[in-house]
Amino acid sequence: MNIVVSNMANYNDTLFVFQLSPLIEKPFEVSPSQTTFTVKGLEAYKTYMFAVSAKNSQGSSVKSAVKSVTTLGTRKQPVN
């Protein structure tokens, strides 16, 4: 799954991506220079929930609204 981060080059914020379901205790950290972030190791046909917050010298933002995504399976090559 890719999380696309837009216009981060204009800010000095570090993004934190929280995987809420299934829960991973430590958030993924995304540096200000990154424009995309990939969550690896997700299982096929499973629903995951994520939220995002930002942090800079002024402090941390509140978490975003929770986004639910369901992964797809891998495509099987047709047999000729």
N, C-alpha and C. Protein backbone atom coordinates (compact mmCIF):
# COMPACT_ATOMS: atom_id res chain seq x y z
N MET A 1 0.84 -1.16 0.00
CA MET A 1 0.00 0.00 0.00
C MET A 1 0.88 1.22 0.00
N ASN A 2 0.61 2.19 -0.87
CA ASN A 2 1.32 3.45 -0.89
C ASN A 2 0.49 4.54 -0.26
N ILE A 3 1.11 5.32 0.57
CA ILE A 3 0.50 6.52 1.11
C ILE A 3 1.19 7.67 0.41
N VAL A 4 0.45 8.48 -0.30
CA VAL A 4 1.03 9.59 -1.05
C VAL A 4 0.98 10.84 -0.19
N VAL A 5 2.13 11.46 -0.05
CA VAL A 5 2.27 12.66 0.76
C VAL A 5 2.51 13.82 -0.20
N SER A 6 1.63 14.79 -0.22
CA SER A 6 1.81 15.89 -1.16
C SER A 6 2.24 17.17 -0.44
N ASN A 7 3.04 17.96 -1.14
CA ASN A 7 3.49 19.27 -0.67
C ASN A 7 4.30 19.23 0.62
N MET A 8 4.88 18.11 0.95
CA MET A 8 5.70 18.04 2.17
C MET A 8 7.00 18.82 2.02
N ALA A 9 7.46 19.05 0.80
CA ALA A 9 8.72 19.77 0.58
C ALA A 9 8.63 21.20 1.10
N ASN A 10 7.43 21.75 1.22
CA ASN A 10 7.24 23.11 1.70
C ASN A 10 7.23 23.21 3.22
N TYR A 11 7.25 22.11 3.88
CA TYR A 11 7.17 22.08 5.34
C TYR A 11 8.35 21.30 5.90
N ASN A 12 8.58 21.50 7.17
CA ASN A 12 9.64 20.74 7.83
C ASN A 12 9.02 19.78 8.83
N ASP A 13 7.88 19.24 8.46
CA ASP A 13 7.16 18.33 9.34
C ASP A 13 7.57 16.89 9.07
N THR A 14 7.67 16.12 10.10
CA THR A 14 7.83 14.68 9.98
C THR A 14 6.45 14.08 10.15
N LEU A 15 6.07 13.20 9.24
CA LEU A 15 4.77 12.53 9.35
C LEU A 15 4.92 11.22 10.10
N PHE A 16 3.90 10.89 10.85
CA PHE A 16 3.85 9.61 11.52
C PHE A 16 2.59 8.89 11.05
N VAL A 17 2.77 7.70 10.52
CA VAL A 17 1.66 6.89 10.05
C VAL A 17 1.39 5.82 11.09
N PHE A 18 0.19 5.83 11.63
CA PHE A 18 -0.19 4.88 12.67
C PHE A 18 -1.04 3.78 12.06
N GLN A 19 -0.58 2.54 12.21
CA GLN A 19 -1.42 1.41 11.81
C GLN A 19 -2.23 1.02 13.03
N LEU A 20 -3.54 1.20 12.94
CA LEU A 20 -4.41 1.02 14.09
C LEU A 20 -5.04 -0.36 14.16
N SER A 21 -5.21 -0.99 13.01
CA SER A 21 -5.83 -2.30 13.00
C SER A 21 -5.29 -3.11 11.83
N PRO A 22 -4.66 -4.24 12.06
CA PRO A 22 -4.21 -4.70 13.37
C PRO A 22 -3.15 -3.74 13.91
N LEU A 23 -3.16 -3.56 15.21
CA LEU A 23 -2.34 -2.56 15.87
C LEU A 23 -0.85 -2.87 15.79
N ILE A 24 -0.09 -1.86 15.40
CA ILE A 24 1.37 -1.87 15.52
C ILE A 24 1.69 -0.73 16.47
N GLU A 25 2.38 -1.03 17.56
CA GLU A 25 2.60 -0.04 18.62
C GLU A 25 3.37 1.19 18.15
N LYS A 26 4.41 1.00 17.36
CA LYS A 26 5.27 2.11 16.96
C LYS A 26 4.85 2.61 15.58
N PRO A 27 4.59 3.93 15.44
CA PRO A 27 4.18 4.44 14.12
C PRO A 27 5.34 4.42 13.13
N PHE A 28 4.99 4.39 11.86
CA PHE A 28 5.99 4.53 10.80
C PHE A 28 6.34 6.01 10.72
N GLU A 29 7.63 6.32 10.57
CA GLU A 29 8.07 7.70 10.48
C GLU A 29 8.41 8.04 9.03
N VAL A 30 7.87 9.14 8.52
CA VAL A 30 8.07 9.56 7.14
C VAL A 30 8.74 10.93 7.16
N SER A 31 9.95 11.01 6.61
CA SER A 31 10.70 12.27 6.63
C SER A 31 10.07 13.30 5.69
N PRO A 32 10.33 14.59 5.93
CA PRO A 32 9.75 15.64 5.08
C PRO A 32 10.15 15.53 3.61
N SER A 33 11.27 14.92 3.31
CA SER A 33 11.72 14.82 1.91
C SER A 33 11.02 13.71 1.13
N GLN A 34 10.32 12.82 1.80
CA GLN A 34 9.63 11.73 1.12
C GLN A 34 8.29 12.21 0.55
N THR A 35 7.97 11.75 -0.65
CA THR A 35 6.68 12.08 -1.25
C THR A 35 5.74 10.89 -1.28
N THR A 36 6.26 9.68 -1.08
CA THR A 36 5.42 8.49 -0.95
C THR A 36 5.98 7.63 0.17
N PHE A 37 5.13 6.81 0.69
CA PHE A 37 5.53 5.88 1.75
C PHE A 37 4.80 4.58 1.50
N THR A 38 5.50 3.47 1.57
CA THR A 38 4.92 2.16 1.32
C THR A 38 4.87 1.36 2.61
N VAL A 39 3.70 0.86 2.93
CA VAL A 39 3.54 -0.05 4.06
C VAL A 39 3.74 -1.45 3.52
N LYS A 40 4.72 -2.16 4.03
CA LYS A 40 5.05 -3.49 3.53
C LYS A 40 4.55 -4.57 4.47
N GLY A 41 4.45 -5.78 3.94
CA GLY A 41 4.11 -6.93 4.76
C GLY A 41 2.63 -7.09 5.04
N LEU A 42 1.79 -6.42 4.27
CA LEU A 42 0.35 -6.55 4.50
C LEU A 42 -0.16 -7.84 3.86
N GLU A 43 -1.15 -8.44 4.49
CA GLU A 43 -1.73 -9.68 3.99
C GLU A 43 -2.82 -9.38 2.96
N ALA A 44 -2.97 -10.27 2.00
CA ALA A 44 -4.01 -10.13 0.98
C ALA A 44 -5.40 -10.27 1.60
N TYR A 45 -6.35 -9.53 1.06
CA TYR A 45 -7.76 -9.60 1.44
C TYR A 45 -8.00 -9.30 2.92
N LYS A 46 -7.22 -8.39 3.46
CA LYS A 46 -7.36 -8.04 4.87
C LYS A 46 -7.59 -6.53 4.97
N THR A 47 -8.40 -6.12 5.93
CA THR A 47 -8.67 -4.70 6.14
C THR A 47 -7.72 -4.14 7.19
N TYR A 48 -7.16 -3.00 6.87
CA TYR A 48 -6.25 -2.29 7.76
C TYR A 48 -6.79 -0.88 7.98
N MET A 49 -6.48 -0.32 9.14
CA MET A 49 -6.90 1.04 9.44
C MET A 49 -5.68 1.87 9.79
N PHE A 50 -5.63 3.08 9.21
CA PHE A 50 -4.48 3.96 9.40
C PHE A 50 -4.94 5.36 9.77
N ALA A 51 -4.07 6.08 10.47
CA ALA A 51 -4.24 7.50 10.74
C ALA A 51 -2.87 8.15 10.61
N VAL A 52 -2.85 9.45 10.38
CA VAL A 52 -1.59 10.16 10.17
C VAL A 52 -1.55 11.38 11.08
N SER A 53 -0.37 11.71 11.59
CA SER A 53 -0.18 12.98 12.29
C SER A 53 1.18 13.54 11.88
N ALA A 54 1.38 14.82 12.16
CA ALA A 54 2.64 15.48 11.80
C ALA A 54 3.28 16.05 13.07
N LYS A 55 4.60 16.21 13.00
CA LYS A 55 5.33 16.76 14.14
C LYS A 55 6.40 17.70 13.62
N ASN A 56 6.53 18.86 14.25
CA ASN A 56 7.61 19.79 13.94
C ASN A 56 8.05 20.47 15.23
N SER A 57 8.81 21.55 15.12
CA SER A 57 9.34 22.21 16.31
C SER A 57 8.24 22.82 17.19
N GLN A 58 7.05 23.01 16.63
CA GLN A 58 5.93 23.57 17.39
C GLN A 58 5.14 22.51 18.15
N GLY A 59 5.37 21.23 17.83
CA GLY A 59 4.65 20.16 18.51
C GLY A 59 4.03 19.20 17.51
N SER A 60 3.09 18.41 18.00
CA SER A 60 2.45 17.38 17.18
C SER A 60 1.00 17.77 16.86
N SER A 61 0.57 17.38 15.68
CA SER A 61 -0.84 17.59 15.31
C SER A 61 -1.68 16.47 15.89
N VAL A 62 -2.98 16.68 15.85
CA VAL A 62 -3.88 15.59 16.20
C VAL A 62 -3.85 14.59 15.06
N LYS A 63 -4.25 13.37 15.34
CA LYS A 63 -4.29 12.35 14.29
C LYS A 63 -5.42 12.68 13.31
N SER A 64 -5.18 12.31 12.07
CA SER A 64 -6.20 12.48 11.03
C SER A 64 -7.37 11.54 11.29
N ALA A 65 -8.38 11.71 10.48
CA ALA A 65 -9.47 10.74 10.51
C ALA A 65 -8.90 9.37 10.12
N VAL A 66 -9.49 8.34 10.64
CA VAL A 66 -9.03 6.98 10.35
C VAL A 66 -9.44 6.61 8.93
N LYS A 67 -8.52 6.04 8.19
CA LYS A 67 -8.77 5.57 6.83
C LYS A 67 -8.69 4.05 6.83
N SER A 68 -9.72 3.41 6.33
CA SER A 68 -9.78 1.96 6.25
C SER A 68 -9.47 1.53 4.82
N VAL A 69 -8.58 0.58 4.66
CA VAL A 69 -8.24 0.05 3.34
C VAL A 69 -8.24 -1.47 3.40
N THR A 70 -8.66 -2.09 2.30
CA THR A 70 -8.63 -3.54 2.20
C THR A 70 -7.69 -3.90 1.07
N THR A 71 -6.74 -4.77 1.37
CA THR A 71 -5.75 -5.16 0.37
C THR A 71 -6.38 -6.12 -0.63
N LEU A 72 -5.78 -6.15 -1.80
CA LEU A 72 -6.20 -7.06 -2.85
C LEU A 72 -5.30 -8.28 -2.84
N GLY A 73 -5.71 -9.30 -3.53
CA GLY A 73 -4.88 -10.49 -3.69
C GLY A 73 -3.93 -10.29 -4.85
N THR A 74 -3.02 -11.19 -4.99
CA THR A 74 -2.11 -11.13 -6.14
C THR A 74 -2.80 -11.74 -7.34
N ARG A 75 -2.51 -11.20 -8.49
CA ARG A 75 -3.10 -11.72 -9.73
C ARG A 75 -2.36 -12.96 -10.17
N LYS A 76 -3.11 -13.97 -10.53
CA LYS A 76 -2.51 -15.19 -11.06
C LYS A 76 -2.41 -15.04 -12.56
N GLN A 77 -1.31 -15.47 -13.10
CA GLN A 77 -1.11 -15.43 -14.55
C GLN A 77 -2.00 -16.46 -15.22
N PRO A 78 -2.67 -16.08 -16.32
CA PRO A 78 -3.52 -17.07 -16.99
C PRO A 78 -2.68 -18.20 -17.61
N VAL A 79 -3.25 -19.35 -17.59
CA VAL A 79 -2.58 -20.51 -18.18
C VAL A 79 -3.06 -20.64 -19.61
N ASN A 80 -2.14 -20.67 -20.55
CA ASN A 80 -2.51 -20.79 -21.98
C ASN A 80 -2.50 -22.22 -22.42
